[in-house]
C-alpha cells in the first residue's frame, strides 16, 4: 500500500500528545506498563520521560517530534505490516518513523519480549 501526500501531511500535523494516550491505553489493557512504553519510545527516539512530557506540554507535531529525535541506528530493523502498510516500503521518512513507533507499541501490547522489541543483538 502506497502512502499519499495527503496521508503523509496528516501524519506530520498530528501532535504526539494527541496520540500518546491511545498508546498508553492500548498497552495497559494488555498488562504492560507506562514505564515499558517509555522505554520503547526512548529506544527509538532518545527521549527520556522528562523530555517526553516536555514535548507533550509543548504540543509538538509528529514532524517536530521526529525532527528533534535521535533515531536509533537499529530502527531500520523494525519491519512488517502496520495499519496496512509494510514499514520497510514506506518512502516518506517521517511517515515511516511514525509507523516504526506504532509497530513498537503494537509489539509491546501483543506481549513481545522487551529484548525482541528493542532489537537487541
N, C-alpha and C. Protein backbone atom coordinates (compact mmCIF):
# COMPACT_ATOMS: atom_id res chain seq x y z
N UNK A 1 0.85 -1.18 0.00
CA UNK A 1 0.00 0.00 0.00
C UNK A 1 0.89 1.24 0.00
N UNK A 2 0.65 2.15 -0.91
CA UNK A 2 1.46 3.36 -1.05
C UNK A 2 0.80 4.49 -0.28
N UNK A 3 1.60 5.24 0.46
CA UNK A 3 1.05 6.39 1.19
C UNK A 3 0.89 7.56 0.22
N UNK A 4 -0.15 8.34 0.43
CA UNK A 4 -0.39 9.52 -0.41
C UNK A 4 0.22 10.74 0.25
N UNK A 5 0.37 11.80 -0.53
CA UNK A 5 0.87 13.05 0.04
C UNK A 5 -0.05 13.55 1.15
N UNK A 6 -1.35 13.40 0.95
CA UNK A 6 -2.32 13.83 1.95
C UNK A 6 -2.14 13.04 3.26
N UNK A 7 -1.95 11.74 3.12
CA UNK A 7 -1.72 10.88 4.29
C UNK A 7 -0.45 11.31 5.02
N UNK A 8 0.61 11.55 4.28
CA UNK A 8 1.89 11.96 4.88
C UNK A 8 1.75 13.30 5.59
N UNK A 9 1.03 14.24 4.99
CA UNK A 9 0.84 15.56 5.60
C UNK A 9 0.01 15.45 6.87
N UNK A 10 -1.00 14.59 6.85
CA UNK A 10 -1.84 14.39 8.03
C UNK A 10 -1.00 13.82 9.18
N UNK A 11 -0.12 12.88 8.86
CA UNK A 11 0.76 12.30 9.89
C UNK A 11 1.67 13.38 10.47
N UNK A 12 2.22 14.22 9.63
CA UNK A 12 3.14 15.27 10.06
C UNK A 12 2.46 16.27 10.99
N UNK A 13 1.18 16.57 10.75
CA UNK A 13 0.46 17.58 11.53
C UNK A 13 -0.10 17.07 12.86
N UNK A 14 -0.23 15.76 13.00
CA UNK A 14 -0.77 15.21 14.25
C UNK A 14 0.20 15.53 15.39
N UNK A 15 -0.36 15.78 16.56
CA UNK A 15 0.52 16.03 17.71
C UNK A 15 0.79 14.71 18.44
N UNK A 16 1.99 14.61 18.94
CA UNK A 16 2.34 13.42 19.71
C UNK A 16 1.43 13.31 20.93
N UNK A 17 1.14 14.44 21.56
CA UNK A 17 0.31 14.45 22.77
C UNK A 17 -1.09 13.91 22.51
N UNK A 18 -1.60 14.04 21.29
CA UNK A 18 -2.93 13.54 20.98
C UNK A 18 -2.94 12.03 20.78
N UNK A 19 -1.81 11.45 20.43
CA UNK A 19 -1.73 10.02 20.15
C UNK A 19 -1.24 9.23 21.37
N UNK A 20 -0.40 9.86 22.18
CA UNK A 20 0.19 9.19 23.34
C UNK A 20 -0.84 8.50 24.24
N UNK A 21 -1.97 9.14 24.60
CA UNK A 21 -2.94 8.45 25.46
C UNK A 21 -3.47 7.15 24.83
N UNK A 22 -3.57 7.12 23.51
CA UNK A 22 -4.03 5.90 22.83
C UNK A 22 -2.98 4.79 22.94
N UNK A 23 -1.71 5.17 22.81
CA UNK A 23 -0.64 4.20 23.00
C UNK A 23 -0.71 3.62 24.42
N UNK A 24 -0.84 4.51 25.39
CA UNK A 24 -0.85 4.10 26.79
C UNK A 24 -2.03 3.18 27.09
N UNK A 25 -3.20 3.55 26.64
CA UNK A 25 -4.39 2.73 26.85
C UNK A 25 -4.22 1.35 26.22
N UNK A 26 -3.69 1.34 25.01
CA UNK A 26 -3.50 0.07 24.29
C UNK A 26 -2.61 -0.89 25.04
N UNK A 27 -1.49 -0.40 25.53
CA UNK A 27 -0.55 -1.31 26.20
C UNK A 27 -1.02 -1.68 27.61
N UNK A 28 -1.66 -0.73 28.31
CA UNK A 28 -2.13 -1.04 29.66
C UNK A 28 -3.26 -2.06 29.65
N UNK A 29 -4.10 -2.03 28.63
CA UNK A 29 -5.17 -3.03 28.50
C UNK A 29 -4.61 -4.43 28.39
N UNK A 30 -3.38 -4.53 27.90
CA UNK A 30 -2.74 -5.82 27.71
C UNK A 30 -1.75 -6.17 28.82
N UNK A 31 -1.81 -5.38 29.91
CA UNK A 31 -0.99 -5.69 31.08
C UNK A 31 0.43 -5.16 31.04
N UNK A 32 0.73 -4.28 30.10
CA UNK A 32 2.06 -3.68 30.04
C UNK A 32 2.02 -2.35 30.78
N UNK A 33 3.19 -1.77 31.06
CA UNK A 33 3.25 -0.58 31.90
C UNK A 33 3.68 0.67 31.12
N UNK A 34 3.38 1.79 31.74
CA UNK A 34 3.80 3.09 31.20
C UNK A 34 5.32 3.14 31.10
N UNK A 35 6.00 2.57 32.08
CA UNK A 35 7.47 2.56 32.07
C UNK A 35 8.00 1.78 30.86
N UNK A 36 7.34 0.67 30.54
CA UNK A 36 7.75 -0.11 29.37
C UNK A 36 7.51 0.69 28.08
N UNK A 37 6.39 1.39 28.02
CA UNK A 37 6.11 2.23 26.86
C UNK A 37 7.19 3.29 26.71
N UNK A 38 7.55 3.93 27.81
CA UNK A 38 8.58 4.97 27.76
C UNK A 38 9.93 4.40 27.36
N UNK A 39 10.20 3.19 27.81
CA UNK A 39 11.47 2.54 27.42
C UNK A 39 11.52 2.32 25.90
N UNK A 40 10.41 1.89 25.34
CA UNK A 40 10.33 1.66 23.89
C UNK A 40 10.49 2.98 23.14
N UNK A 41 9.80 4.01 23.60
CA UNK A 41 9.89 5.32 22.95
C UNK A 41 11.31 5.86 23.06
N UNK A 42 11.92 5.70 24.23
CA UNK A 42 13.30 6.18 24.40
C UNK A 42 14.26 5.43 23.49
N UNK A 43 14.07 4.14 23.35
CA UNK A 43 14.94 3.35 22.45
C UNK A 43 14.88 3.91 21.02
N UNK A 44 13.67 4.22 20.57
CA UNK A 44 13.51 4.70 19.19
C UNK A 44 13.99 6.13 19.02
N UNK A 45 13.67 7.01 19.99
CA UNK A 45 13.86 8.45 19.79
C UNK A 45 14.97 9.09 20.62
N UNK A 46 15.36 8.44 21.70
CA UNK A 46 16.33 9.04 22.61
C UNK A 46 15.69 9.91 23.68
N UNK A 47 14.37 10.06 23.65
CA UNK A 47 13.68 10.91 24.63
C UNK A 47 13.42 10.16 25.93
N UNK A 48 13.88 10.74 27.05
CA UNK A 48 13.55 10.17 28.34
C UNK A 48 12.17 10.68 28.77
N UNK A 49 11.71 10.22 29.91
CA UNK A 49 10.36 10.56 30.38
C UNK A 49 10.17 12.06 30.56
N UNK A 50 11.16 12.75 31.08
CA UNK A 50 11.07 14.20 31.29
C UNK A 50 10.93 14.91 29.95
N UNK A 51 11.74 14.53 28.97
CA UNK A 51 11.69 15.15 27.64
C UNK A 51 10.36 14.84 26.96
N UNK A 52 9.87 13.61 27.12
CA UNK A 52 8.57 13.26 26.53
C UNK A 52 7.48 14.17 27.07
N UNK A 53 7.47 14.37 28.39
CA UNK A 53 6.45 15.23 28.99
C UNK A 53 6.58 16.66 28.48
N UNK A 54 7.80 17.13 28.33
CA UNK A 54 8.04 18.46 27.81
C UNK A 54 7.49 18.61 26.39
N UNK A 55 7.73 17.61 25.56
CA UNK A 55 7.24 17.64 24.18
C UNK A 55 5.72 17.59 24.13
N UNK A 56 5.12 16.82 25.04
CA UNK A 56 3.65 16.77 25.09
C UNK A 56 3.09 18.10 25.56
N UNK A 57 3.73 18.71 26.57
CA UNK A 57 3.28 20.01 27.06
C UNK A 57 3.38 21.07 25.96
N UNK A 58 4.41 20.94 25.15
CA UNK A 58 4.63 21.87 24.04
C UNK A 58 3.68 21.61 22.86
N UNK A 59 3.03 20.43 22.89
CA UNK A 59 2.10 20.01 21.84
C UNK A 59 2.76 19.98 20.46
N UNK A 60 3.95 19.37 20.43
CA UNK A 60 4.68 19.28 19.16
C UNK A 60 3.99 18.32 18.21
N UNK A 61 4.12 18.61 16.93
CA UNK A 61 3.61 17.71 15.90
C UNK A 61 4.56 16.52 15.77
N UNK A 62 4.10 15.48 15.10
CA UNK A 62 4.99 14.36 14.84
C UNK A 62 6.19 14.81 14.00
N UNK A 63 5.98 15.77 13.14
CA UNK A 63 7.09 16.28 12.33
C UNK A 63 8.20 16.83 13.24
N UNK A 64 7.83 17.66 14.19
CA UNK A 64 8.79 18.22 15.13
C UNK A 64 9.34 17.14 16.06
N UNK A 65 8.47 16.28 16.53
CA UNK A 65 8.85 15.20 17.44
C UNK A 65 9.98 14.36 16.84
N UNK A 66 9.83 13.95 15.60
CA UNK A 66 10.85 13.11 14.98
C UNK A 66 12.03 13.92 14.44
N UNK A 67 11.80 15.18 14.09
CA UNK A 67 12.91 16.02 13.64
C UNK A 67 13.93 16.22 14.76
N UNK A 68 13.43 16.37 15.98
CA UNK A 68 14.31 16.59 17.14
C UNK A 68 14.90 15.30 17.70
N UNK A 69 14.33 14.18 17.34
CA UNK A 69 14.74 12.89 17.91
C UNK A 69 16.09 12.44 17.38
N UNK A 70 16.73 11.59 18.17
CA UNK A 70 17.95 10.90 17.74
C UNK A 70 17.52 9.46 17.47
N UNK A 71 17.10 9.21 16.24
CA UNK A 71 16.56 7.91 15.88
C UNK A 71 17.62 6.82 16.06
N UNK A 72 17.23 5.76 16.72
CA UNK A 72 18.13 4.64 16.98
C UNK A 72 18.66 4.09 15.64
N UNK A 73 19.96 3.88 15.55
CA UNK A 73 20.52 3.36 14.29
C UNK A 73 19.99 1.99 13.90
N UNK A 74 19.40 1.27 14.84
CA UNK A 74 18.82 -0.04 14.53
C UNK A 74 17.34 0.02 14.18
N UNK A 75 16.80 1.23 14.06
CA UNK A 75 15.37 1.37 13.76
C UNK A 75 15.02 0.71 12.43
N UNK A 76 15.97 0.65 11.51
CA UNK A 76 15.70 0.03 10.20
C UNK A 76 15.38 -1.47 10.34
N UNK A 77 15.67 -2.04 11.50
CA UNK A 77 15.36 -3.45 11.74
C UNK A 77 13.87 -3.68 12.05
N UNK A 78 13.14 -2.58 12.26
CA UNK A 78 11.70 -2.68 12.51
C UNK A 78 11.04 -2.89 11.15
N UNK A 79 10.35 -4.01 11.01
CA UNK A 79 9.70 -4.29 9.74
C UNK A 79 8.37 -4.99 9.98
N UNK A 80 7.69 -5.24 8.91
CA UNK A 80 6.38 -5.88 9.00
C UNK A 80 5.29 -4.92 8.58
N UNK A 81 4.06 -5.32 8.83
CA UNK A 81 2.90 -4.55 8.40
C UNK A 81 2.26 -3.89 9.62
N UNK A 82 1.94 -2.62 9.46
CA UNK A 82 1.21 -1.88 10.49
C UNK A 82 0.20 -0.98 9.79
N UNK A 83 -1.05 -1.06 10.20
CA UNK A 83 -2.12 -0.26 9.61
C UNK A 83 -2.20 -0.45 8.09
N UNK A 84 -1.90 -1.63 7.63
CA UNK A 84 -1.99 -1.93 6.20
C UNK A 84 -0.78 -1.53 5.38
N UNK A 85 0.25 -1.00 6.03
CA UNK A 85 1.46 -0.55 5.33
C UNK A 85 2.64 -1.42 5.72
N UNK A 86 3.41 -1.86 4.74
CA UNK A 86 4.66 -2.58 5.01
C UNK A 86 5.70 -1.51 5.33
N UNK A 87 6.16 -1.50 6.57
CA UNK A 87 7.02 -0.43 7.08
C UNK A 87 8.25 -0.19 6.21
N UNK A 88 8.91 -1.27 5.85
CA UNK A 88 10.16 -1.12 5.10
C UNK A 88 9.96 -0.58 3.69
N UNK A 89 8.72 -0.50 3.22
CA UNK A 89 8.44 0.03 1.88
C UNK A 89 7.92 1.46 1.89
N UNK A 90 7.71 2.03 3.06
CA UNK A 90 7.22 3.41 3.15
C UNK A 90 8.34 4.35 2.73
N UNK A 91 8.08 5.17 1.73
CA UNK A 91 9.11 6.05 1.17
C UNK A 91 9.28 7.35 1.95
N UNK A 92 8.19 7.88 2.51
CA UNK A 92 8.26 9.12 3.27
C UNK A 92 8.91 8.83 4.63
N UNK A 93 10.03 9.46 4.88
CA UNK A 93 10.82 9.19 6.09
C UNK A 93 10.02 9.42 7.37
N UNK A 94 9.31 10.53 7.45
CA UNK A 94 8.54 10.84 8.65
C UNK A 94 7.43 9.82 8.87
N UNK A 95 6.69 9.50 7.83
CA UNK A 95 5.62 8.52 7.94
C UNK A 95 6.19 7.18 8.38
N UNK A 96 7.34 6.82 7.85
CA UNK A 96 7.98 5.58 8.25
C UNK A 96 8.35 5.60 9.73
N UNK A 97 8.86 6.72 10.21
CA UNK A 97 9.22 6.82 11.62
C UNK A 97 8.00 6.72 12.53
N UNK A 98 6.90 7.35 12.13
CA UNK A 98 5.67 7.24 12.91
C UNK A 98 5.22 5.78 12.96
N UNK A 99 5.31 5.11 11.83
CA UNK A 99 4.91 3.70 11.77
C UNK A 99 5.88 2.81 12.55
N UNK A 100 7.16 3.19 12.63
CA UNK A 100 8.09 2.47 13.50
C UNK A 100 7.54 2.49 14.93
N UNK A 101 7.15 3.67 15.38
CA UNK A 101 6.65 3.81 16.74
C UNK A 101 5.36 3.01 16.91
N UNK A 102 4.46 3.09 15.95
CA UNK A 102 3.22 2.31 16.01
C UNK A 102 3.51 0.82 16.13
N UNK A 103 4.47 0.35 15.36
CA UNK A 103 4.81 -1.07 15.36
C UNK A 103 5.39 -1.49 16.71
N UNK A 104 6.26 -0.66 17.28
CA UNK A 104 6.84 -0.98 18.59
C UNK A 104 5.76 -1.04 19.66
N UNK A 105 4.81 -0.12 19.61
CA UNK A 105 3.71 -0.10 20.58
C UNK A 105 2.86 -1.36 20.39
N UNK A 106 2.59 -1.74 19.16
CA UNK A 106 1.84 -2.97 18.90
C UNK A 106 2.55 -4.19 19.46
N UNK A 107 3.85 -4.26 19.23
CA UNK A 107 4.62 -5.40 19.73
C UNK A 107 4.57 -5.45 21.25
N UNK A 108 4.67 -4.30 21.89
CA UNK A 108 4.58 -4.23 23.35
C UNK A 108 3.21 -4.73 23.81
N UNK A 109 2.16 -4.23 23.18
CA UNK A 109 0.80 -4.62 23.55
C UNK A 109 0.54 -6.10 23.31
N UNK A 110 1.20 -6.66 22.31
CA UNK A 110 0.98 -8.06 21.98
C UNK A 110 1.84 -9.02 22.80
N UNK A 111 2.56 -8.48 23.79
CA UNK A 111 3.28 -9.34 24.71
C UNK A 111 4.67 -9.76 24.26
N UNK A 112 5.18 -9.14 23.23
CA UNK A 112 6.53 -9.50 22.78
C UNK A 112 7.54 -9.14 23.87
N UNK A 113 8.57 -9.93 23.98
CA UNK A 113 9.61 -9.67 24.98
C UNK A 113 10.37 -8.39 24.64
N UNK A 114 10.74 -7.66 25.68
CA UNK A 114 11.38 -6.36 25.51
C UNK A 114 12.67 -6.45 24.69
N UNK A 115 13.48 -7.47 24.89
CA UNK A 115 14.73 -7.56 24.13
C UNK A 115 14.46 -7.74 22.64
N UNK A 116 13.34 -8.36 22.29
CA UNK A 116 12.97 -8.51 20.88
C UNK A 116 12.44 -7.18 20.33
N UNK A 117 11.63 -6.49 21.12
CA UNK A 117 11.09 -5.20 20.69
C UNK A 117 12.23 -4.21 20.43
N UNK A 118 13.22 -4.22 21.32
CA UNK A 118 14.33 -3.26 21.22
C UNK A 118 15.43 -3.74 20.27
N UNK A 119 15.14 -4.79 19.55
CA UNK A 119 16.06 -5.32 18.53
C UNK A 119 17.46 -5.53 19.10
N UNK A 120 17.52 -6.11 20.31
CA UNK A 120 18.81 -6.40 20.93
C UNK A 120 19.50 -7.52 20.17
N UNK A 121 20.80 -7.35 20.00
CA UNK A 121 21.55 -8.39 19.29
C UNK A 121 22.38 -9.21 20.24
